[in-house]
Amino acid sequence: MTAIWLLVVSNVFMTIAWYGHLRYKHAALWKVILISWLIAFVEYCFQVPANRIGSSQFSTAQLKTIQEIITLIVFSIFSIIYLKEGLKWNYLVGFAFIVGAAFFIFKKW
C-alpha cells in the first residue's frame, strides 16, 4: 500500500503542476512554466520512490496501470472541485474502459 499512497500524492502534485495554472491565464507563461516545474520536482520525490517500492510487488505494466487509474481519479476530482468542470457521460465511459483494461493486466492467465 505504500507505493499506492505515494502514487496518489505524486499525482496530486502532478495534476496541480499540469492543470493548476489554467485558472491563472493572465500569468506570464514563463512564470507558469517555472512554478509548474518546481511543483513537478516535488511530484518526482514521491513518484520515484513509489515506482521503486512498487516494483517489488508489481510488474512495470501493473505499476503503470495503477498510475493511470489513480491519475484519472485525481484528475476527475481536481477538474470538478478546482476547475469547476463537470464530468460528461462519455468521459466516464472512456474512464471505465481504462479501468476495464486493468482487469486484463492484473488477471492471472
PDB file of N, CA and C in Angstrom:
ATOM      1  N   MET A   1       0.813  -1.208   0.000  1.00  0.00           N
ATOM      2  CA  MET A   1       0.000   0.000   0.000  1.00  0.00           C
ATOM      3  C   MET A   1       0.854   1.269   0.000  1.00  0.00           C
ATOM      4  N   THR A   2       2.086   1.168   0.460  1.00  0.00           N
ATOM      5  CA  THR A   2       2.952   2.343   0.478  1.00  0.00           C
ATOM      6  C   THR A   2       3.116   2.917  -0.923  1.00  0.00           C
ATOM      7  N   ALA A   3       3.362   2.051  -1.880  1.00  0.00           N
ATOM      8  CA  ALA A   3       3.547   2.515  -3.266  1.00  0.00           C
ATOM      9  C   ALA A   3       2.286   3.204  -3.785  1.00  0.00           C
ATOM     10  N   ILE A   4       1.135   2.647  -3.454  1.00  0.00           N
ATOM     11  CA  ILE A   4      -0.138   3.227  -3.913  1.00  0.00           C
ATOM     12  C   ILE A   4      -0.318   4.628  -3.334  1.00  0.00           C
ATOM     13  N   TRP A   5      -0.064   4.784  -2.048  1.00  0.00           N
ATOM     14  CA  TRP A   5      -0.238   6.101  -1.420  1.00  0.00           C
ATOM     15  C   TRP A   5       0.764   7.111  -1.963  1.00  0.00           C
ATOM     16  N   LEU A   6       1.987   6.667  -2.201  1.00  0.00           N
ATOM     17  CA  LEU A   6       2.972   7.566  -2.811  1.00  0.00           C
ATOM     18  C   LEU A   6       2.543   7.983  -4.214  1.00  0.00           C
ATOM     19  N   LEU A   7       1.948   7.050  -4.958  1.00  0.00           N
ATOM     20  CA  LEU A   7       1.441   7.394  -6.288  1.00  0.00           C
ATOM     21  C   LEU A   7       0.295   8.403  -6.214  1.00  0.00           C
ATOM     22  N   VAL A   8      -0.555   8.256  -5.222  1.00  0.00           N
ATOM     23  CA  VAL A   8      -1.663   9.207  -5.051  1.00  0.00           C
ATOM     24  C   VAL A   8      -1.105  10.603  -4.775  1.00  0.00           C
ATOM     25  N   VAL A   9      -0.170  10.693  -3.845  1.00  0.00           N
ATOM     26  CA  VAL A   9       0.414  12.001  -3.511  1.00  0.00           C
ATOM     27  C   VAL A   9       1.122  12.590  -4.734  1.00  0.00           C
ATOM     28  N   SER A  10       1.893  11.771  -5.430  1.00  0.00           N
ATOM     29  CA  SER A  10       2.597  12.288  -6.606  1.00  0.00           C
ATOM     30  C   SER A  10       1.622  12.779  -7.663  1.00  0.00           C
ATOM     31  N   ASN A  11       0.505  12.086  -7.816  1.00  0.00           N
ATOM     32  CA  ASN A  11      -0.495  12.508  -8.802  1.00  0.00           C
ATOM     33  C   ASN A  11      -1.167  13.811  -8.427  1.00  0.00           C
ATOM     34  N   VAL A  12      -1.370  14.039  -7.159  1.00  0.00           N
ATOM     35  CA  VAL A  12      -1.946  15.318  -6.732  1.00  0.00           C
ATOM     36  C   VAL A  12      -1.007  16.456  -7.155  1.00  0.00           C
ATOM     37  N   PHE A  13       0.290  16.297  -6.867  1.00  0.00           N
ATOM     38  CA  PHE A  13       1.246  17.338  -7.250  1.00  0.00           C
ATOM     39  C   PHE A  13       1.334  17.499  -8.761  1.00  0.00           C
ATOM     40  N   MET A  14       1.347  16.391  -9.489  1.00  0.00           N
ATOM     41  CA  MET A  14       1.482  16.497 -10.945  1.00  0.00           C
ATOM     42  C   MET A  14       0.238  17.123 -11.570  1.00  0.00           C
ATOM     43  N   THR A  15      -0.919  16.786 -11.064  1.00  0.00           N
ATOM     44  CA  THR A  15      -2.148  17.388 -11.590  1.00  0.00           C
ATOM     45  C   THR A  15      -2.140  18.893 -11.358  1.00  0.00           C
ATOM     46  N   ILE A  16      -1.684  19.304 -10.188  1.00  0.00           N
ATOM     47  CA  ILE A  16      -1.579  20.739  -9.903  1.00  0.00           C
ATOM     48  C   ILE A  16      -0.556  21.382 -10.842  1.00  0.00           C
ATOM     49  N   ALA A  17       0.575  20.710 -11.057  1.00  0.00           N
ATOM     50  CA  ALA A  17       1.610  21.260 -11.940  1.00  0.00           C
ATOM     51  C   ALA A  17       1.104  21.386 -13.374  1.00  0.00           C
ATOM     52  N   TRP A  18       0.382  20.393 -13.843  1.00  0.00           N
ATOM     53  CA  TRP A  18      -0.065  20.397 -15.239  1.00  0.00           C
ATOM     54  C   TRP A  18      -1.281  21.273 -15.487  1.00  0.00           C
ATOM     55  N   TYR A  19      -2.211  21.309 -14.542  1.00  0.00           N
ATOM     56  CA  TYR A  19      -3.505  21.952 -14.806  1.00  0.00           C
ATOM     57  C   TYR A  19      -3.847  23.114 -13.868  1.00  0.00           C
ATOM     58  N   GLY A  20      -3.138  23.267 -12.769  1.00  0.00           N
ATOM     59  CA  GLY A  20      -3.469  24.317 -11.801  1.00  0.00           C
ATOM     60  C   GLY A  20      -3.379  25.716 -12.368  1.00  0.00           C
ATOM     61  N   HIS A  21      -2.479  25.921 -13.297  1.00  0.00           N
ATOM     62  CA  HIS A  21      -2.270  27.254 -13.879  1.00  0.00           C
ATOM     63  C   HIS A  21      -3.406  27.688 -14.797  1.00  0.00           C
ATOM     64  N   LEU A  22      -4.295  26.773 -15.165  1.00  0.00           N
ATOM     65  CA  LEU A  22      -5.361  27.129 -16.105  1.00  0.00           C
ATOM     66  C   LEU A  22      -6.331  28.164 -15.542  1.00  0.00           C
ATOM     67  N   ARG A  23      -6.373  28.292 -14.232  1.00  0.00           N
ATOM     68  CA  ARG A  23      -7.207  29.347 -13.636  1.00  0.00           C
ATOM     69  C   ARG A  23      -6.493  30.694 -13.622  1.00  0.00           C
ATOM     70  N   TYR A  24      -5.229  30.716 -14.014  1.00  0.00           N
ATOM     71  CA  TYR A  24      -4.435  31.949 -13.981  1.00  0.00           C
ATOM     72  C   TYR A  24      -3.878  32.242 -15.371  1.00  0.00           C
ATOM     73  N   LYS A  25      -4.769  32.355 -16.330  1.00  0.00           N
ATOM     74  CA  LYS A  25      -4.355  32.551 -17.721  1.00  0.00           C
ATOM     75  C   LYS A  25      -3.688  33.905 -17.947  1.00  0.00           C
ATOM     76  N   HIS A  26      -3.861  34.818 -17.015  1.00  0.00           N
ATOM     77  CA  HIS A  26      -3.243  36.140 -17.128  1.00  0.00           C
ATOM     78  C   HIS A  26      -1.763  36.110 -16.727  1.00  0.00           C
ATOM     79  N   ALA A  27      -1.331  35.075 -16.019  1.00  0.00           N
ATOM     80  CA  ALA A  27       0.058  34.980 -15.563  1.00  0.00           C
ATOM     81  C   ALA A  27       0.987  34.753 -16.759  1.00  0.00           C
ATOM     82  N   ALA A  28       2.165  35.289 -16.667  1.00  0.00           N
ATOM     83  CA  ALA A  28       3.157  35.131 -17.736  1.00  0.00           C
ATOM     84  C   ALA A  28       3.505  33.647 -17.891  1.00  0.00           C
ATOM     85  N   LEU A  29       3.633  33.226 -19.120  1.00  0.00           N
ATOM     86  CA  LEU A  29       3.896  31.818 -19.403  1.00  0.00           C
ATOM     87  C   LEU A  29       5.192  31.336 -18.758  1.00  0.00           C
ATOM     88  N   TRP A  30       6.233  32.145 -18.768  1.00  0.00           N
ATOM     89  CA  TRP A  30       7.498  31.724 -18.176  1.00  0.00           C
ATOM     90  C   TRP A  30       7.352  31.467 -16.679  1.00  0.00           C
ATOM     91  N   LYS A  31       6.523  32.276 -16.004  1.00  0.00           N
ATOM     92  CA  LYS A  31       6.282  32.069 -14.573  1.00  0.00           C
ATOM     93  C   LYS A  31       5.521  30.775 -14.338  1.00  0.00           C
ATOM     94  N   VAL A  32       4.516  30.535 -15.177  1.00  0.00           N
ATOM     95  CA  VAL A  32       3.718  29.312 -15.055  1.00  0.00           C
ATOM     96  C   VAL A  32       4.608  28.082 -15.256  1.00  0.00           C
ATOM     97  N   ILE A  33       5.481  28.150 -16.247  1.00  0.00           N
ATOM     98  CA  ILE A  33       6.383  27.020 -16.512  1.00  0.00           C
ATOM     99  C   ILE A  33       7.311  26.792 -15.323  1.00  0.00           C
ATOM    100  N   LEU A  34       7.885  27.844 -14.796  1.00  0.00           N
ATOM    101  CA  LEU A  34       8.805  27.718 -13.660  1.00  0.00           C
ATOM    102  C   LEU A  34       8.099  27.140 -12.434  1.00  0.00           C
ATOM    103  N   ILE A  35       6.944  27.683 -12.107  1.00  0.00           N
ATOM    104  CA  ILE A  35       6.201  27.196 -10.941  1.00  0.00           C
ATOM    105  C   ILE A  35       5.769  25.749 -11.150  1.00  0.00           C
ATOM    106  N   SER A  36       5.287  25.428 -12.349  1.00  0.00           N
ATOM    107  CA  SER A  36       4.877  24.059 -12.639  1.00  0.00           C
ATOM    108  C   SER A  36       6.060  23.107 -12.528  1.00  0.00           C
ATOM    109  N   TRP A  37       7.219  23.540 -12.963  1.00  0.00           N
ATOM    110  CA  TRP A  37       8.407  22.705 -12.900  1.00  0.00           C
ATOM    111  C   TRP A  37       8.819  22.448 -11.457  1.00  0.00           C
ATOM    112  N   LEU A  38       8.697  23.466 -10.611  1.00  0.00           N
ATOM    113  CA  LEU A  38       9.017  23.294  -9.186  1.00  0.00           C
ATOM    114  C   LEU A  38       8.033  22.334  -8.516  1.00  0.00           C
ATOM    115  N   ILE A  39       6.774  22.445  -8.867  1.00  0.00           N
ATOM    116  CA  ILE A  39       5.767  21.522  -8.324  1.00  0.00           C
ATOM    117  C   ILE A  39       6.042  20.100  -8.820  1.00  0.00           C
ATOM    118  N   ALA A  40       6.417  19.980 -10.079  1.00  0.00           N
ATOM    119  CA  ALA A  40       6.717  18.661 -10.646  1.00  0.00           C
ATOM    120  C   ALA A  40       7.931  18.027  -9.955  1.00  0.00           C
ATOM    121  N   PHE A  41       8.870  18.844  -9.504  1.00  0.00           N
ATOM    122  CA  PHE A  41      10.007  18.292  -8.758  1.00  0.00           C
ATOM    123  C   PHE A  41       9.519  17.576  -7.503  1.00  0.00           C
ATOM    124  N   VAL A  42       8.585  18.197  -6.792  1.00  0.00           N
ATOM    125  CA  VAL A  42       8.026  17.566  -5.593  1.00  0.00           C
ATOM    126  C   VAL A  42       7.320  16.264  -5.980  1.00  0.00           C
ATOM    127  N   GLU A  43       6.633  16.297  -7.109  1.00  0.00           N
ATOM    128  CA  GLU A  43       5.951  15.089  -7.592  1.00  0.00           C
ATOM    129  C   GLU A  43       6.946  13.956  -7.790  1.00  0.00           C
ATOM    130  N   TYR A  44       8.080  14.252  -8.383  1.00  0.00           N
ATOM    131  CA  TYR A  44       9.099  13.232  -8.616  1.00  0.00           C
ATOM    132  C   TYR A  44       9.641  12.662  -7.313  1.00  0.00           C
ATOM    133  N   CYS A  45       9.673  13.469  -6.267  1.00  0.00           N
ATOM    134  CA  CYS A  45      10.140  12.994  -4.966  1.00  0.00           C
ATOM    135  C   CYS A  45       9.212  11.924  -4.383  1.00  0.00           C
ATOM    136  N   PHE A  46       7.994  11.854  -4.854  1.00  0.00           N
ATOM    137  CA  PHE A  46       7.062  10.800  -4.458  1.00  0.00           C
ATOM    138  C   PHE A  46       6.971   9.698  -5.517  1.00  0.00           C
ATOM    139  N   GLN A  47       7.025  10.084  -6.773  1.00  0.00           N
ATOM    140  CA  GLN A  47       6.863   9.129  -7.876  1.00  0.00           C
ATOM    141  C   GLN A  47       7.996   8.118  -7.944  1.00  0.00           C
ATOM    142  N   VAL A  48       9.218   8.588  -7.844  1.00  0.00           N
ATOM    143  CA  VAL A  48      10.366   7.687  -7.970  1.00  0.00           C
ATOM    144  C   VAL A  48      10.375   6.640  -6.850  1.00  0.00           C
ATOM    145  N   PRO A  49      10.205   7.041  -5.591  1.00  0.00           N
ATOM    146  CA  PRO A  49      10.137   6.007  -4.547  1.00  0.00           C
ATOM    147  C   PRO A  49       8.926   5.073  -4.713  1.00  0.00           C
ATOM    148  N   ALA A  50       7.820   5.618  -5.188  1.00  0.00           N
ATOM    149  CA  ALA A  50       6.634   4.777  -5.404  1.00  0.00           C
ATOM    150  C   ALA A  50       6.944   3.677  -6.409  1.00  0.00           C
ATOM    151  N   ASN A  51       7.604   4.034  -7.497  1.00  0.00           N
ATOM    152  CA  ASN A  51       7.953   3.029  -8.501  1.00  0.00           C
ATOM    153  C   ASN A  51       9.011   2.061  -7.986  1.00  0.00           C
ATOM    154  N   ARG A  52       9.954   2.564  -7.230  1.00  0.00           N
ATOM    155  CA  ARG A  52      10.994   1.691  -6.676  1.00  0.00           C
ATOM    156  C   ARG A  52      10.384   0.683  -5.706  1.00  0.00           C
ATOM    157  N   ILE A  53       9.545   1.168  -4.805  1.00  0.00           N
ATOM    158  CA  ILE A  53       8.891   0.279  -3.835  1.00  0.00           C
ATOM    159  C   ILE A  53       7.902  -0.643  -4.540  1.00  0.00           C
ATOM    160  N   GLY A  54       7.122  -0.072  -5.431  1.00  0.00           N
ATOM    161  CA  GLY A  54       6.089  -0.841  -6.117  1.00  0.00           C
ATOM    162  C   GLY A  54       6.631  -1.931  -7.016  1.00  0.00           C
ATOM    163  N   SER A  55       7.846  -1.737  -7.527  1.00  0.00           N
ATOM    164  CA  SER A  55       8.409  -2.737  -8.442  1.00  0.00           C
ATOM    165  C   SER A  55       8.713  -4.056  -7.751  1.00  0.00           C
ATOM    166  N   SER A  56       8.738  -4.058  -6.423  1.00  0.00           N
ATOM    167  CA  SER A  56       8.937  -5.321  -5.706  1.00  0.00           C
ATOM    168  C   SER A  56       7.636  -6.111  -5.582  1.00  0.00           C
ATOM    169  N   GLN A  57       6.512  -5.459  -5.848  1.00  0.00           N
ATOM    170  CA  GLN A  57       5.203  -6.111  -5.732  1.00  0.00           C
ATOM    171  C   GLN A  57       4.506  -6.275  -7.077  1.00  0.00           C
ATOM    172  N   PHE A  58       4.761  -5.361  -7.999  1.00  0.00           N
ATOM    173  CA  PHE A  58       4.035  -5.306  -9.259  1.00  0.00           C
ATOM    174  C   PHE A  58       5.021  -5.303 -10.431  1.00  0.00           C
ATOM    175  N   SER A  59       4.526  -5.750 -11.586  1.00  0.00           N
ATOM    176  CA  SER A  59       5.312  -5.590 -12.810  1.00  0.00           C
ATOM    177  C   SER A  59       5.232  -4.115 -13.215  1.00  0.00           C
ATOM    178  N   THR A  60       6.094  -3.705 -14.118  1.00  0.00           N
ATOM    179  CA  THR A  60       6.047  -2.302 -14.547  1.00  0.00           C
ATOM    180  C   THR A  60       4.736  -1.995 -15.274  1.00  0.00           C
ATOM    181  N   ALA A  61       4.194  -2.948 -16.010  1.00  0.00           N
ATOM    182  CA  ALA A  61       2.894  -2.727 -16.667  1.00  0.00           C
ATOM    183  C   ALA A  61       1.791  -2.549 -15.627  1.00  0.00           C
ATOM    184  N   GLN A  62       1.849  -3.317 -14.562  1.00  0.00           N
ATOM    185  CA  GLN A  62       0.858  -3.162 -13.495  1.00  0.00           C
ATOM    186  C   GLN A  62       1.025  -1.824 -12.789  1.00  0.00           C
ATOM    187  N   LEU A  63       2.274  -1.435 -12.520  1.00  0.00           N
ATOM    188  CA  LEU A  63       2.518  -0.127 -11.892  1.00  0.00           C
ATOM    189  C   LEU A  63       1.977   1.008 -12.756  1.00  0.00           C
ATOM    190  N   LYS A  64       2.215   0.927 -14.055  1.00  0.00           N
ATOM    191  CA  LYS A  64       1.735   1.977 -14.959  1.00  0.00           C
ATOM    192  C   LYS A  64       0.215   2.011 -14.988  1.00  0.00           C
ATOM    193  N   THR A  65      -0.407   0.847 -14.948  1.00  0.00           N
ATOM    194  CA  THR A  65      -1.870   0.787 -14.933  1.00  0.00           C
ATOM    195  C   THR A  65      -2.422   1.396 -13.656  1.00  0.00           C
ATOM    196  N   ILE A  66      -1.827   1.063 -12.526  1.00  0.00           N
ATOM    197  CA  ILE A  66      -2.240   1.667 -11.256  1.00  0.00           C
ATOM    198  C   ILE A  66      -2.091   3.179 -11.346  1.00  0.00           C
ATOM    199  N   GLN A  67      -0.962   3.624 -11.878  1.00  0.00           N
ATOM    200  CA  GLN A  67      -0.698   5.061 -12.036  1.00  0.00           C
ATOM    201  C   GLN A  67      -1.779   5.739 -12.867  1.00  0.00           C
ATOM    202  N   GLU A  68      -2.156   5.126 -13.971  1.00  0.00           N
ATOM    203  CA  GLU A  68      -3.157   5.740 -14.852  1.00  0.00           C
ATOM    204  C   GLU A  68      -4.524   5.814 -14.194  1.00  0.00           C
ATOM    205  N   ILE A  69      -4.902   4.795 -13.475  1.00  0.00           N
ATOM    206  CA  ILE A  69      -6.201   4.807 -12.796  1.00  0.00           C
ATOM    207  C   ILE A  69      -6.212   5.866 -11.697  1.00  0.00           C
ATOM    208  N   ILE A  70      -5.118   5.946 -10.937  1.00  0.00           N
ATOM    209  CA  ILE A  70      -5.022   6.995  -9.913  1.00  0.00           C
ATOM    210  C   ILE A  70      -5.070   8.370 -10.576  1.00  0.00           C
ATOM    211  N   THR A  71      -4.381   8.521 -11.693  1.00  0.00           N
ATOM    212  CA  THR A  71      -4.384   9.795 -12.416  1.00  0.00           C
ATOM    213  C   THR A  71      -5.799  10.203 -12.807  1.00  0.00           C
ATOM    214  N   LEU A  72      -6.572   9.258 -13.311  1.00  0.00           N
ATOM    215  CA  LEU A  72      -7.957   9.568 -13.705  1.00  0.00           C
ATOM    216  C   LEU A  72      -8.796   9.993 -12.513  1.00  0.00           C
ATOM    217  N   ILE A  73      -8.622   9.312 -11.398  1.00  0.00           N
ATOM    218  CA  ILE A  73      -9.401   9.655 -10.197  1.00  0.00           C
ATOM    219  C   ILE A  73      -9.007  11.034  -9.689  1.00  0.00           C
ATOM    220  N   VAL A  74      -7.698  11.265  -9.544  1.00  0.00           N
ATOM    221  CA  VAL A  74      -7.220  12.562  -9.042  1.00  0.00           C
ATOM    222  C   VAL A  74      -7.630  13.678 -10.002  1.00  0.00           C
ATOM    223  N   PHE A  75      -7.436  13.451 -11.303  1.00  0.00           N
ATOM    224  CA  PHE A  75      -7.804  14.474 -12.278  1.00  0.00           C
ATOM    225  C   PHE A  75      -9.301  14.769 -12.243  1.00  0.00           C
ATOM    226  N   SER A  76     -10.121  13.749 -12.135  1.00  0.00           N
ATOM    227  CA  SER A  76     -11.576  13.959 -12.100  1.00  0.00           C
ATOM    228  C   SER A  76     -11.980  14.816 -10.907  1.00  0.00           C
ATOM    229  N   ILE A  77     -11.442  14.497  -9.755  1.00  0.00           N
ATOM    230  CA  ILE A  77     -11.752  15.277  -8.548  1.00  0.00           C
ATOM    231  C   ILE A  77     -11.255  16.715  -8.711  1.00  0.00           C
ATOM    232  N   PHE A  78     -10.029  16.872  -9.190  1.00  0.00           N
ATOM    233  CA  PHE A  78      -9.443  18.194  -9.405  1.00  0.00           C
ATOM    234  C   PHE A  78     -10.263  19.005 -10.407  1.00  0.00           C
ATOM    235  N   SER A  79     -10.654  18.357 -11.482  1.00  0.00           N
ATOM    236  CA  SER A  79     -11.424  19.024 -12.531  1.00  0.00           C
ATOM    237  C   SER A  79     -12.763  19.538 -12.007  1.00  0.00           C
ATOM    238  N   ILE A  80     -13.411  18.749 -11.193  1.00  0.00           N
ATOM    239  CA  ILE A  80     -14.720  19.137 -10.642  1.00  0.00           C
ATOM    240  C   ILE A  80     -14.559  20.226  -9.587  1.00  0.00           C
ATOM    241  N   ILE A  81     -13.658  20.017  -8.650  1.00  0.00           N
ATOM    242  CA  ILE A  81     -13.541  20.929  -7.500  1.00  0.00           C
ATOM    243  C   ILE A  81     -12.787  22.212  -7.851  1.00  0.00           C
ATOM    244  N   TYR A  82     -11.633  22.093  -8.495  1.00  0.00           N
ATOM    245  CA  TYR A  82     -10.786  23.257  -8.727  1.00  0.00           C
ATOM    246  C   TYR A  82     -11.113  23.989 -10.028  1.00  0.00           C
ATOM    247  N   LEU A  83     -11.263  23.234 -11.097  1.00  0.00           N
ATOM    248  CA  LEU A  83     -11.523  23.859 -12.391  1.00  0.00           C
ATOM    249  C   LEU A  83     -13.006  24.097 -12.654  1.00  0.00           C
ATOM    250  N   LYS A  84     -13.850  23.544 -11.795  1.00  0.00           N
ATOM    251  CA  LYS A  84     -15.313  23.720 -11.912  1.00  0.00           C
ATOM    252  C   LYS A  84     -15.846  23.182 -13.236  1.00  0.00           C
ATOM    253  N   GLU A  85     -15.260  22.079 -13.699  1.00  0.00           N
ATOM    254  CA  GLU A  85     -15.728  21.432 -14.919  1.00  0.00           C
ATOM    255  C   GLU A  85     -16.469  20.159 -14.542  1.00  0.00           C
ATOM    256  N   GLY A  86     -17.499  19.865 -15.265  1.00  0.00           N
ATOM    257  CA  GLY A  86     -18.258  18.651 -14.991  1.00  0.00           C
ATOM    258  C   GLY A  86     -17.688  17.460 -15.739  1.00  0.00           C
ATOM    259  N   LEU A  87     -18.044  16.282 -15.271  1.00  0.00           N
ATOM    260  CA  LEU A  87     -17.684  15.058 -15.978  1.00  0.00           C
ATOM    261  C   LEU A  87     -18.867  14.650 -16.841  1.00  0.00           C
ATOM    262  N   LYS A  88     -18.635  14.508 -18.102  1.00  0.00           N
ATOM    263  CA  LYS A  88     -19.694  14.111 -19.020  1.00  0.00           C
ATOM    264  C   LYS A  88     -19.776  12.591 -19.063  1.00  0.00           C
ATOM    265  N   TRP A  89     -20.903  12.088 -19.523  1.00  0.00           N
ATOM    266  CA  TRP A  89     -21.104  10.640 -19.545  1.00  0.00           C
ATOM    267  C   TRP A  89     -20.056   9.944 -20.413  1.00  0.00           C
ATOM    268  N   ASN A  90     -19.655  10.563 -21.516  1.00  0.00           N
ATOM    269  CA  ASN A  90     -18.678   9.914 -22.391  1.00  0.00           C
ATOM    270  C   ASN A  90     -17.288   9.862 -21.746  1.00  0.00           C
ATOM    271  N   TYR A  91     -16.973  10.832 -20.876  1.00  0.00           N
ATOM    272  CA  TYR A  91     -15.717  10.761 -20.133  1.00  0.00           C
ATOM    273  C   TYR A  91     -15.743   9.543 -19.221  1.00  0.00           C
ATOM    274  N   LEU A  92     -16.867   9.378 -18.537  1.00  0.00           N
ATOM    275  CA  LEU A  92     -16.994   8.257 -17.603  1.00  0.00           C
ATOM    276  C   LEU A  92     -16.917   6.918 -18.326  1.00  0.00           C
ATOM    277  N   VAL A  93     -17.514   6.832 -19.500  1.00  0.00           N
ATOM    278  CA  VAL A  93     -17.432   5.594 -20.284  1.00  0.00           C
ATOM    279  C   VAL A  93     -15.974   5.324 -20.676  1.00  0.00           C
ATOM    280  N   GLY A  94     -15.288   6.344 -21.142  1.00  0.00           N
ATOM    281  CA  GLY A  94     -13.882   6.186 -21.503  1.00  0.00           C
ATOM    282  C   GLY A  94     -13.036   5.761 -20.313  1.00  0.00           C
ATOM    283  N   PHE A  95     -13.274   6.382 -19.158  1.00  0.00           N
ATOM    284  CA  PHE A  95     -12.549   6.004 -17.952  1.00  0.00           C
ATOM    285  C   PHE A  95     -12.853   4.561 -17.578  1.00  0.00           C
ATOM    286  N   ALA A  96     -14.093   4.156 -17.739  1.00  0.00           N
ATOM    287  CA  ALA A  96     -14.480   2.773 -17.418  1.00  0.00           C
ATOM    288  C   ALA A  96     -13.725   1.780 -18.303  1.00  0.00           C
ATOM    289  N   PHE A  97     -13.516   2.117 -19.562  1.00  0.00           N
ATOM    290  CA  PHE A  97     -12.749   1.243 -20.446  1.00  0.00           C
ATOM    291  C   PHE A  97     -11.294   1.113 -19.954  1.00  0.00           C
ATOM    292  N   ILE A  98     -10.748   2.201 -19.471  1.00  0.00           N
ATOM    293  CA  ILE A  98      -9.377   2.147 -18.956  1.00  0.00           C
ATOM    294  C   ILE A  98      -9.319   1.286 -17.698  1.00  0.00           C
ATOM    295  N   VAL A  99     -10.294   1.444 -16.831  1.00  0.00           N
ATOM    296  CA  VAL A  99     -10.359   0.594 -15.638  1.00  0.00           C
ATOM    297  C   VAL A  99     -10.563  -0.862 -16.056  1.00  0.00           C
ATOM    298  N   GLY A 100     -11.369  -1.087 -17.076  1.00  0.00           N
ATOM    299  CA  GLY A 100     -11.555  -2.442 -17.593  1.00  0.00           C
ATOM    300  C   GLY A 100     -10.258  -3.034 -18.113  1.00  0.00           C
ATOM    301  N   ALA A 101      -9.419  -2.202 -18.687  1.00  0.00           N
ATOM    302  CA  ALA A 101      -8.121  -2.677 -19.166  1.00  0.00           C
ATOM    303  C   ALA A 101      -7.282  -3.216 -18.013  1.00  0.00           C
ATOM    304  N   ALA A 102      -7.458  -2.631 -16.843  1.00  0.00           N
ATOM    305  CA  ALA A 102      -6.725  -3.105 -15.669  1.00  0.00           C
ATOM    306  C   ALA A 102      -7.049  -4.563 -15.372  1.00  0.00           C
ATOM    307  N   PHE A 103      -8.275  -4.973 -15.634  1.00  0.00           N
ATOM    308  CA  PHE A 103      -8.664  -6.376 -15.431  1.00  0.00           C
ATOM    309  C   PHE A 103      -7.727  -7.286 -16.215  1.00  0.00           C
ATOM    310  N   PHE A 104      -7.500  -6.968 -17.474  1.00  0.00           N
ATOM    311  CA  PHE A 104      -6.672  -7.819 -18.322  1.00  0.00           C
ATOM    312  C   PHE A 104      -5.200  -7.790 -17.903  1.00  0.00           C
ATOM    313  N   ILE A 105      -4.749  -6.657 -17.393  1.00  0.00           N
ATOM    314  CA  ILE A 105      -3.363  -6.544 -16.982  1.00  0.00           C
ATOM    315  C   ILE A 105      -3.101  -7.287 -15.672  1.00  0.00           C
ATOM    316  N   PHE A 106      -4.064  -7.267 -14.756  1.00  0.00           N
ATOM    317  CA  PHE A 106      -3.875  -7.898 -13.458  1.00  0.00           C
ATOM    318  C   PHE A 106      -4.356  -9.351 -13.412  1.00  0.00           C
ATOM    319  N   LYS A 107      -5.122  -9.784 -14.387  1.00  0.00           N
ATOM    320  CA  LYS A 107      -5.643 -11.158 -14.422  1.00  0.00           C
ATOM    321  C   LYS A 107      -4.519 -12.147 -14.611  1.00  0.00           C
ATOM    322  N   LYS A 108      -4.512 -13.191 -13.798  1.00  0.00           N
ATOM    323  CA  LYS A 108      -3.536 -14.265 -13.945  1.00  0.00           C
ATOM    324  C   LYS A 108      -4.038 -15.218 -15.024  1.00  0.00           C
ATOM    325  N   TRP A 109      -3.366 -15.274 -16.144  1.00  0.00           N
ATOM    326  CA  TRP A 109      -3.797 -16.108 -17.253  1.00  0.00           C
ATOM    327  C   TRP A 109      -3.063 -17.418 -17.269  1.00  0.00           C
TER     328      TRP A 109
END
